[in-house]
Amino acid sequence: MCAHTIFVYAHIINVQKDTFLEADPVNVMTKKAIRIKDIAKTAGVSVGTVDRVLHNRGKVSEKALKKVSAALNKSEYRPNLIARTLGSNKEYKIIVLLPNHEQDPYWALVYKGIVQSKHEWSHYGVHISTYGFDLEQKNSFVEVSRKVIKAKPDGILVAPIFYNETLPFFEIIQKKGIPFTLFNTNITESNALSFIGQDLYQSGRVAAELLCIGQSGTATFGVLHVDEDLDDSVHLLQKEKGFRDYVNEFYPVKSSIESLNRTSSSDFSFKKKLATLLNKPDLKGIFVSTSRGAETAASFLKSHGKNGIRLVGYDLLSKNIEYLELGIIDFLIHQKPEQQAFEGISCLANHLIFKKEIKPINLFPLEVITRQNLASYLADHIEYHPNEFKSISN
């Protein structure tokens, strides 16, 4: 908001369980909205001065600005910025369309970011709802996406894990003029307002580098996709392509790559194929393309014997942390799922409320977590602190 900053105070809240497939209510704090005269009294300035700061109009001395800013910063109240910033009481409805967070611990982390966003943006008149679809049923996505359209949101945040099913959805909401952002997976032809996440191709290259460093002689590398339909999962294909390109570039002579795909938990042939892979004497490492899949691979390695086989997976899920501490998992590439959701909603809210120009691509760094830096990382990141997340649209 130009030179005059409106402070938003962040609080950590407990995650409350919301009803999926329905537009869940926003938890609005019971504290009253800040009043101009309260700030004026605290700052020792006139009501008019506070009004000029809040609305960024007229001249305000540097001294007065500092006083008002300090008063806002110390206040336990929250300002109702909708009316004061825009001169109206317009409210906005944002819907997040994602896999059911009760099915997968990765999406449970994403959901934490959504809950925090509700807390942060409710004071701007933004109502955030979650619509969950079955992670293993494409038809569920189609059905739930229709409910999203029928709800007539002002903006949509989407995790487009089913490529073919999301394209018709994108076409419909574009015709209706509904802005939308993507996170977790980027569909380049979607014409989304923005994508928030990581460079998945580069992520695959990083995984390959972690497995190849210090290796010599004949080598076999495994790529595991767990409980995913590869033909409809462009995000996993991008990771595997990056992995293969790196190995072919830096370990081209005596290496081979075997890709295994478990389409569902009922795919019993996968266990036999994985056992065959683990018994290869020249197997140097395994790359697992999904967060939950790392646990599956680690449990096999634990029962089979580590035997110097490196394992790279994704994200700080509780089971992944356990296997990392045991030394079964060697590296975890952290995708920051909470922050992806939080920033995706912030993009939409800033676009809708403040008409801010949003960067089309917002990439997070590829952070590699090992057993050596795990404790220090958890000490700094174990709880979700939105204060450390600055809006990517600024």
Protein backbone atom coordinates (compact mmCIF):
# COMPACT_ATOMS: atom_id res chain seq x y z
CA MET A 1 0.00 0.00 0.00
CA CYS A 2 2.64 2.46 -1.18
CA ALA A 3 4.71 4.12 1.55
CA HIS A 4 2.19 3.73 4.34
CA THR A 5 2.22 0.18 5.64
CA ILE A 6 -0.87 -1.36 7.18
CA PHE A 7 0.28 -3.90 9.69
CA VAL A 8 -1.30 -7.33 9.81
CA TYR A 9 -0.60 -9.23 12.99
CA ALA A 10 0.08 -12.92 12.70
CA HIS A 11 -1.05 -15.44 15.29
CA ILE A 12 -0.52 -19.18 15.36
CA ILE A 13 -3.80 -21.01 15.68
CA ASN A 14 -4.79 -24.60 16.20
CA VAL A 15 -5.98 -26.40 13.12
CA GLN A 16 -9.67 -27.12 13.35
CA LYS A 17 -11.27 -29.84 11.30
CA ASP A 18 -13.51 -28.50 8.54
CA THR A 19 -16.16 -30.33 6.58
CA PHE A 20 -14.90 -31.30 3.14
CA LEU A 21 -16.88 -30.90 -0.04
CA GLU A 22 -18.71 -28.01 1.58
CA ALA A 23 -17.90 -24.34 1.85
CA ASP A 24 -16.68 -24.24 5.42
CA PRO A 25 -17.24 -21.14 7.58
CA VAL A 26 -14.48 -18.63 8.28
CA ASN A 27 -13.29 -18.44 11.84
CA VAL A 28 -13.48 -14.73 12.55
CA MET A 29 -11.82 -13.48 15.71
CA THR A 30 -14.05 -12.08 18.37
CA LYS A 31 -11.88 -9.02 18.90
CA LYS A 32 -13.46 -5.84 17.57
CA ALA A 33 -11.96 -4.06 14.57
CA ILE A 34 -9.56 -1.27 15.35
CA ARG A 35 -10.98 2.26 15.43
CA ILE A 36 -9.22 5.30 14.09
CA LYS A 37 -9.71 7.19 17.34
CA ASP A 38 -8.10 4.34 19.31
CA ILE A 39 -4.97 4.55 17.19
CA ALA A 40 -4.98 8.36 17.31
CA LYS A 41 -5.13 8.28 21.10
CA THR A 42 -2.33 5.73 21.38
CA ALA A 43 -0.11 7.55 18.88
CA GLY A 44 -0.83 11.00 20.29
CA VAL A 45 -1.91 12.38 16.93
CA SER A 46 -5.16 13.60 15.45
CA VAL A 47 -7.85 11.37 13.98
CA GLY A 48 -7.24 13.07 10.65
CA THR A 49 -3.59 12.07 10.67
CA VAL A 50 -4.44 8.43 11.26
CA ASP A 51 -7.06 8.59 8.52
CA ARG A 52 -4.50 9.96 6.05
CA VAL A 53 -2.03 7.20 6.93
CA LEU A 54 -4.62 4.43 6.58
CA HIS A 55 -5.93 5.75 3.28
CA ASN A 56 -2.59 6.97 1.91
CA ARG A 57 -3.94 10.41 1.10
CA GLY A 58 -2.56 13.81 1.93
CA LYS A 59 0.78 14.64 3.51
CA VAL A 60 1.92 13.08 6.77
CA SER A 61 5.19 13.96 8.48
CA GLU A 62 7.77 11.25 9.01
CA LYS A 63 7.46 11.68 12.76
CA ALA A 64 3.67 11.27 12.70
CA LEU A 65 3.93 8.27 10.39
CA LYS A 66 6.30 6.54 12.80
CA LYS A 67 3.95 7.21 15.72
CA VAL A 68 0.93 5.80 13.88
CA SER A 69 2.92 2.81 12.63
CA ALA A 70 4.13 2.07 16.16
CA ALA A 71 0.57 2.31 17.51
CA LEU A 72 -0.69 -0.10 14.86
CA ASN A 73 2.17 -2.47 15.55
CA LYS A 74 1.50 -2.59 19.30
CA SER A 75 -2.28 -2.82 19.09
CA GLU A 76 -3.98 -6.14 19.83
CA TYR A 77 -6.88 -5.19 17.59
CA ARG A 78 -7.18 -5.82 13.90
CA PRO A 79 -8.27 -3.08 11.48
CA ASN A 80 -11.14 -3.69 9.14
CA LEU A 81 -9.19 -2.73 6.05
CA ILE A 82 -11.91 -3.44 3.54
CA ALA A 83 -13.91 -0.30 4.20
CA ARG A 84 -10.89 1.85 4.96
CA THR A 85 -8.76 0.83 2.03
CA LEU A 86 -11.39 0.48 -0.64
CA GLY A 87 -14.23 2.58 0.70
CA SER A 88 -16.62 -0.37 0.47
CA ASN A 89 -17.64 -3.47 2.40
CA LYS A 90 -17.25 -5.86 -0.53
CA GLU A 91 -16.46 -9.42 0.44
CA TYR A 92 -14.69 -12.05 -1.64
CA LYS A 93 -15.11 -15.80 -1.88
CA ILE A 94 -12.01 -17.89 -2.60
CA ILE A 95 -12.29 -21.64 -3.05
CA VAL A 96 -9.37 -24.07 -2.74
CA LEU A 97 -9.79 -27.23 -4.81
CA LEU A 98 -7.42 -29.95 -3.62
CA PRO A 99 -7.22 -33.64 -2.65
CA ASN A 100 -8.93 -34.61 0.59
CA HIS A 101 -6.42 -33.82 3.32
CA GLU A 102 -7.48 -36.86 5.36
CA GLN A 103 -6.20 -39.24 2.69
CA ASP A 104 -2.57 -38.16 2.61
CA PRO A 105 -0.25 -36.51 5.16
CA TYR A 106 1.21 -34.25 2.45
CA TRP A 107 -2.20 -32.69 1.78
CA ALA A 108 -2.76 -32.45 5.53
CA LEU A 109 0.25 -30.10 5.61
CA VAL A 110 -1.24 -28.13 2.71
CA TYR A 111 -4.46 -27.83 4.67
CA LYS A 112 -2.60 -26.20 7.58
CA GLY A 113 -1.60 -23.41 5.24
CA ILE A 114 -5.21 -22.97 4.15
CA VAL A 115 -6.43 -22.73 7.73
CA GLN A 116 -3.83 -20.09 8.49
CA SER A 117 -4.89 -18.17 5.38
CA LYS A 118 -8.47 -18.13 6.65
CA HIS A 119 -7.26 -16.54 9.85
CA GLU A 120 -5.13 -13.94 8.06
CA TRP A 121 -7.49 -12.91 5.28
CA SER A 122 -10.87 -13.02 7.05
CA HIS A 123 -10.19 -9.53 8.36
CA TYR A 124 -10.06 -8.27 4.78
CA GLY A 125 -13.49 -9.67 4.01
CA VAL A 126 -12.11 -12.77 2.28
CA HIS A 127 -13.99 -16.03 2.87
CA ILE A 128 -11.93 -19.13 2.08
CA SER A 129 -13.56 -22.50 1.48
CA THR A 130 -12.04 -25.91 0.85
CA TYR A 131 -13.49 -28.41 -1.59
CA GLY A 132 -11.80 -31.81 -1.43
CA PHE A 133 -11.80 -34.58 -4.00
CA ASP A 134 -10.75 -38.20 -3.70
CA LEU A 135 -7.03 -38.50 -4.38
CA GLU A 136 -7.50 -41.82 -6.15
CA GLN A 137 -10.67 -41.08 -8.13
CA LYS A 138 -10.56 -38.84 -11.20
CA ASN A 139 -14.33 -38.76 -11.38
CA SER A 140 -14.36 -37.28 -7.91
CA PHE A 141 -12.34 -34.31 -9.17
CA VAL A 142 -14.82 -33.78 -12.02
CA GLU A 143 -17.79 -33.93 -9.65
CA VAL A 144 -16.30 -31.62 -7.04
CA SER A 145 -15.04 -29.15 -9.66
CA ARG A 146 -18.66 -28.76 -10.83
CA LYS A 147 -19.65 -27.85 -7.29
CA VAL A 148 -16.89 -25.25 -7.24
CA ILE A 149 -18.23 -23.64 -10.42
CA LYS A 150 -21.77 -23.70 -9.07
CA ALA A 151 -20.60 -21.88 -5.92
CA LYS A 152 -19.60 -18.86 -8.09
CA PRO A 153 -16.33 -17.97 -6.34
CA ASP A 154 -14.38 -14.78 -6.97
CA GLY A 155 -11.14 -16.76 -7.21
CA ILE A 156 -9.94 -20.36 -7.16
CA LEU A 157 -6.72 -22.00 -5.96
CA VAL A 158 -6.22 -25.40 -7.62
CA ALA A 159 -3.88 -28.36 -7.15
CA PRO A 160 -4.23 -29.84 -10.67
CA ILE A 161 -2.89 -33.33 -10.04
CA PHE A 162 -5.14 -34.86 -12.74
CA TYR A 163 -3.94 -33.28 -15.96
CA ASN A 164 -6.63 -34.40 -18.41
CA GLU A 165 -9.50 -33.69 -16.03
CA THR A 166 -8.35 -30.18 -15.16
CA LEU A 167 -8.14 -28.84 -18.71
CA PRO A 168 -11.95 -28.67 -19.29
CA PHE A 169 -12.32 -27.13 -15.82
CA PHE A 170 -9.81 -24.41 -16.67
CA GLU A 171 -11.65 -23.67 -19.91
CA ILE A 172 -14.96 -23.19 -18.11
CA ILE A 173 -13.69 -20.90 -15.37
CA GLN A 174 -11.76 -18.82 -17.89
CA LYS A 175 -14.95 -18.28 -19.88
CA LYS A 176 -16.64 -17.19 -16.68
CA GLY A 177 -13.82 -14.75 -15.96
CA ILE A 178 -12.85 -16.35 -12.64
CA PRO A 179 -9.16 -15.79 -11.80
CA PHE A 180 -7.32 -18.86 -10.58
CA THR A 181 -3.87 -19.81 -9.36
CA LEU A 182 -2.13 -23.17 -9.37
CA PHE A 183 0.09 -24.77 -6.77
CA ASN A 184 2.01 -28.03 -6.44
CA THR A 185 1.72 -28.73 -10.20
CA ASN A 186 2.11 -26.28 -13.04
CA ILE A 187 -0.03 -26.71 -16.16
CA THR A 188 1.63 -24.26 -18.54
CA GLU A 189 -1.28 -24.12 -20.99
CA SER A 190 -3.82 -23.32 -18.27
CA ASN A 191 -3.40 -19.51 -18.51
CA ALA A 192 -3.53 -19.35 -14.72
CA LEU A 193 -2.94 -16.07 -12.92
CA SER A 194 0.09 -17.61 -11.22
CA PHE A 195 1.83 -20.86 -10.30
CA ILE A 196 3.26 -21.36 -6.81
CA GLY A 197 5.61 -24.26 -6.20
CA GLN A 198 8.95 -25.68 -7.27
CA ASP A 199 10.66 -26.30 -10.59
CA LEU A 200 9.82 -30.00 -10.74
CA TYR A 201 12.18 -30.78 -13.61
CA GLN A 202 15.05 -29.23 -11.68
CA SER A 203 13.87 -31.08 -8.59
CA GLY A 204 14.41 -34.36 -10.44
CA ARG A 205 17.90 -33.25 -11.45
CA VAL A 206 18.74 -32.44 -7.83
CA ALA A 207 17.58 -35.91 -6.77
CA ALA A 208 19.78 -37.51 -9.44
CA GLU A 209 22.80 -35.48 -8.33
CA LEU A 210 22.29 -36.59 -4.74
CA LEU A 211 22.29 -40.23 -5.84
CA CYS A 212 25.22 -39.91 -8.26
CA ILE A 213 27.71 -37.98 -6.11
CA GLY A 214 30.72 -40.16 -5.29
CA GLN A 215 29.40 -43.18 -7.18
CA SER A 216 31.59 -45.14 -9.58
CA GLY A 217 31.42 -48.26 -11.66
CA THR A 218 28.31 -49.85 -13.11
CA ALA A 219 25.18 -48.41 -11.55
CA THR A 220 21.45 -49.00 -11.59
CA PHE A 221 19.12 -46.28 -10.31
CA GLY A 222 15.46 -46.78 -9.48
CA VAL A 223 12.65 -44.25 -9.90
CA LEU A 224 9.51 -45.07 -7.88
CA HIS A 225 6.08 -43.56 -8.44
CA VAL A 226 3.72 -44.72 -5.70
CA ASP A 227 -0.08 -44.74 -6.08
CA GLU A 228 -0.10 -42.44 -9.10
CA ASP A 229 -1.36 -42.66 -12.67
CA LEU A 230 1.69 -41.54 -14.63
CA ASP A 231 -0.27 -40.89 -17.82
CA ASP A 232 -2.26 -38.24 -15.95
CA SER A 233 0.46 -36.89 -13.63
CA VAL A 234 2.61 -34.37 -15.47
CA HIS A 235 4.28 -33.28 -12.23
CA LEU A 236 5.79 -36.73 -11.70
CA LEU A 237 6.81 -37.05 -15.34
CA GLN A 238 8.65 -33.74 -15.07
CA LYS A 239 10.55 -35.03 -12.03
CA GLU A 240 11.51 -38.26 -13.79
CA LYS A 241 12.61 -36.41 -16.93
CA GLY A 242 14.89 -34.18 -14.88
CA PHE A 243 16.28 -37.24 -13.13
CA ARG A 244 16.95 -39.12 -16.37
CA ASP A 245 18.49 -36.11 -18.10
CA TYR A 246 20.95 -35.60 -15.26
CA VAL A 247 22.02 -39.27 -15.12
CA ASN A 248 22.40 -39.43 -18.92
CA GLU A 249 24.48 -36.26 -18.84
CA PHE A 250 26.79 -37.02 -15.92
CA TYR A 251 26.71 -40.83 -15.61
CA PRO A 252 26.09 -41.93 -19.20
CA VAL A 253 28.34 -44.94 -19.77
CA LYS A 254 27.69 -47.56 -17.11
CA SER A 255 24.27 -46.65 -15.76
CA SER A 256 20.68 -47.74 -16.22
CA ILE A 257 17.41 -46.38 -14.84
CA GLU A 258 14.44 -48.55 -13.93
CA SER A 259 11.08 -46.87 -13.36
CA LEU A 260 8.45 -48.61 -11.23
CA ASN A 261 4.90 -47.38 -10.85
CA ARG A 262 2.48 -48.62 -8.20
CA THR A 263 -0.90 -47.51 -9.49
CA SER A 264 -2.69 -48.26 -6.20
CA SER A 265 -2.22 -49.98 -2.87
CA SER A 266 -3.87 -53.06 -4.37
CA ASP A 267 -1.14 -53.41 -7.02
CA PHE A 268 0.47 -56.56 -5.60
CA SER A 269 2.90 -56.99 -8.51
CA PHE A 270 4.73 -53.84 -7.40
CA LYS A 271 6.14 -55.53 -4.30
CA LYS A 272 7.67 -58.29 -6.40
CA LYS A 273 9.14 -55.81 -8.90
CA LEU A 274 10.62 -53.72 -6.10
CA ALA A 275 12.16 -56.81 -4.47
CA THR A 276 13.78 -57.68 -7.81
CA LEU A 277 15.17 -54.15 -8.08
CA LEU A 278 16.56 -54.21 -4.54
CA ASN A 279 18.36 -57.50 -5.25
CA LYS A 280 20.36 -56.01 -8.11
CA PRO A 281 24.01 -55.95 -6.95
CA ASP A 282 24.76 -52.68 -8.76
CA LEU A 283 21.74 -50.76 -7.41
CA LYS A 284 23.16 -47.47 -6.15
CA GLY A 285 20.09 -45.47 -5.28
CA ILE A 286 16.32 -44.96 -5.44
CA PHE A 287 14.43 -41.76 -6.15
CA VAL A 288 10.80 -41.62 -4.95
CA SER A 289 8.74 -38.95 -6.71
CA THR A 290 6.04 -38.47 -4.04
CA SER A 291 6.05 -37.60 -0.34
CA ARG A 292 4.03 -40.56 0.86
CA GLY A 293 5.92 -42.95 -1.42
CA ALA A 294 9.17 -42.38 0.45
CA GLU A 295 7.75 -44.25 3.43
CA THR A 296 6.86 -47.22 1.21
CA ALA A 297 10.37 -47.43 -0.25
CA ALA A 298 12.01 -46.90 3.14
CA SER A 299 10.05 -49.73 4.75
CA PHE A 300 11.18 -52.09 1.96
CA LEU A 301 14.79 -50.99 2.37
CA LYS A 302 14.62 -51.45 6.13
CA SER A 303 13.38 -55.02 5.81
CA HIS A 304 15.64 -55.83 2.85
CA GLY A 305 18.79 -54.25 4.22
CA LYS A 306 20.18 -50.83 3.40
CA ASN A 307 23.25 -52.29 1.64
CA GLY A 308 24.60 -48.87 0.70
CA ILE A 309 21.53 -48.02 -1.37
CA ARG A 310 20.76 -44.31 -1.22
CA LEU A 311 17.18 -43.13 -0.95
CA VAL A 312 15.87 -39.69 -1.91
CA GLY A 313 12.27 -38.64 -1.23
CA TYR A 314 10.16 -35.60 -0.50
CA ASP A 315 8.94 -33.60 2.47
CA LEU A 316 8.98 -33.66 6.23
CA LEU A 317 6.12 -36.06 6.87
CA SER A 318 6.34 -37.72 10.27
CA LYS A 319 7.22 -41.16 8.87
CA ASN A 320 9.77 -39.66 6.48
CA ILE A 321 11.42 -37.85 9.39
CA GLU A 322 11.55 -41.13 11.33
CA TYR A 323 13.27 -42.95 8.45
CA LEU A 324 15.63 -40.03 7.90
CA GLU A 325 16.70 -40.18 11.54
CA LEU A 326 17.25 -43.94 11.19
CA GLY A 327 19.46 -43.37 8.16
CA ILE A 328 17.18 -45.33 5.81
CA ILE A 329 16.22 -42.19 3.90
CA ASP A 330 19.33 -40.19 3.00
CA PHE A 331 17.81 -36.99 1.62
CA LEU A 332 14.44 -35.26 1.63
CA ILE A 333 13.66 -32.45 -0.80
CA HIS A 334 11.30 -30.17 1.09
CA GLN A 335 8.49 -28.66 -0.99
CA LYS A 336 6.99 -26.43 1.77
CA PRO A 337 3.36 -27.50 1.23
CA GLU A 338 1.95 -25.14 3.90
CA GLN A 339 3.62 -22.15 2.35
CA GLN A 340 2.53 -23.09 -1.17
CA ALA A 341 -1.12 -22.96 -0.11
CA PHE A 342 -0.66 -19.81 1.97
CA GLU A 343 1.05 -17.95 -0.87
CA GLY A 344 -1.43 -19.19 -3.47
CA ILE A 345 -4.31 -17.70 -1.52
CA SER A 346 -2.32 -14.52 -0.91
CA CYS A 347 -1.84 -14.13 -4.66
CA LEU A 348 -5.57 -14.31 -5.27
CA ALA A 349 -6.47 -12.06 -2.35
CA ASN A 350 -3.95 -9.38 -3.36
CA HIS A 351 -5.22 -9.54 -6.92
CA LEU A 352 -8.89 -9.30 -5.93
CA ILE A 353 -8.64 -6.71 -3.15
CA PHE A 354 -5.67 -4.54 -3.99
CA LYS A 355 -5.55 -5.13 -7.77
CA LYS A 356 -1.89 -5.99 -7.47
CA GLU A 357 0.06 -7.35 -10.40
CA ILE A 358 0.96 -10.97 -9.66
CA LYS A 359 4.10 -12.74 -10.84
CA PRO A 360 3.09 -15.56 -13.21
CA ILE A 361 5.71 -17.95 -11.80
CA ASN A 362 6.63 -18.08 -8.10
CA LEU A 363 9.22 -20.77 -7.48
CA PHE A 364 10.34 -21.94 -4.07
CA PRO A 365 13.97 -22.99 -3.50
CA LEU A 366 14.88 -26.67 -3.56
CA GLU A 367 15.84 -27.32 0.06
CA VAL A 368 17.63 -30.58 0.80
CA ILE A 369 17.21 -31.98 4.33
CA THR A 370 19.64 -34.58 5.70
CA ARG A 371 20.01 -36.31 9.04
CA GLN A 372 22.73 -33.79 9.86
CA ASN A 373 20.65 -30.62 9.41
CA LEU A 374 17.26 -32.07 10.37
CA ALA A 375 17.29 -31.01 14.03
CA SER A 376 18.24 -27.41 13.29
CA TYR A 377 15.68 -27.23 10.49
CA LEU A 378 12.88 -28.61 12.64
CA ALA A 379 13.76 -26.24 15.46
CA ASP A 380 13.16 -23.34 13.10
CA HIS A 381 10.27 -24.74 11.04
CA ILE A 382 8.41 -27.36 13.07
CA GLU A 383 5.46 -25.03 13.55
CA TYR A 384 3.87 -22.95 10.83
CA HIS A 385 4.89 -19.33 11.28
CA PRO A 386 3.27 -17.07 8.67
CA ASN A 387 5.41 -14.13 9.77
CA GLU A 388 8.33 -15.64 7.91
CA PHE A 389 6.30 -15.77 4.69
CA LYS A 390 6.33 -12.44 2.93
CA SER A 391 3.75 -12.01 0.21
CA ILE A 392 5.24 -12.96 -3.15
CA SER A 393 3.11 -10.34 -4.90
CA ASN A 394 4.86 -7.44 -3.18
